[in-house]
């Protein structure tokens, strides 16, 4: 069992930065690939970023590539999402999720993830 708790969301202006954190419980965190997803009102949940168990491999949605960075600290059981140059269209609830394995080739698919956090709201004003 893995429990995930996101933090770091808030209200910012366009162009600002935020860093989201996702703290995981359980001893299997370091053997799981992790992802960040987001869901805006009236829209489906969409993939944002993914990181392999070791942190060596990362993947991003085209919409955030070059602005967002995913990282992890296995010693702290935490995964991060550094978000720079935020835009109003980044406004959403951001969710952290854990897969069942070390890495995933279908990292963009919500079905690949076994555990989800409760989400943290990010609002970017123009």
Foldseek 3Di string as FASTA:
>chain_A
DKAKAKDWADEEAAQAKIKMKIAMDDDCLLFWKKFKWWDDPPGDIWGAKIAFSVRPDMDGDPVQPPFWDWGDDSVRRMIMIIGGRDDQVVWTWMKMFIAPGRDDPPRGDPVRTDDIYPTDTHGYHD
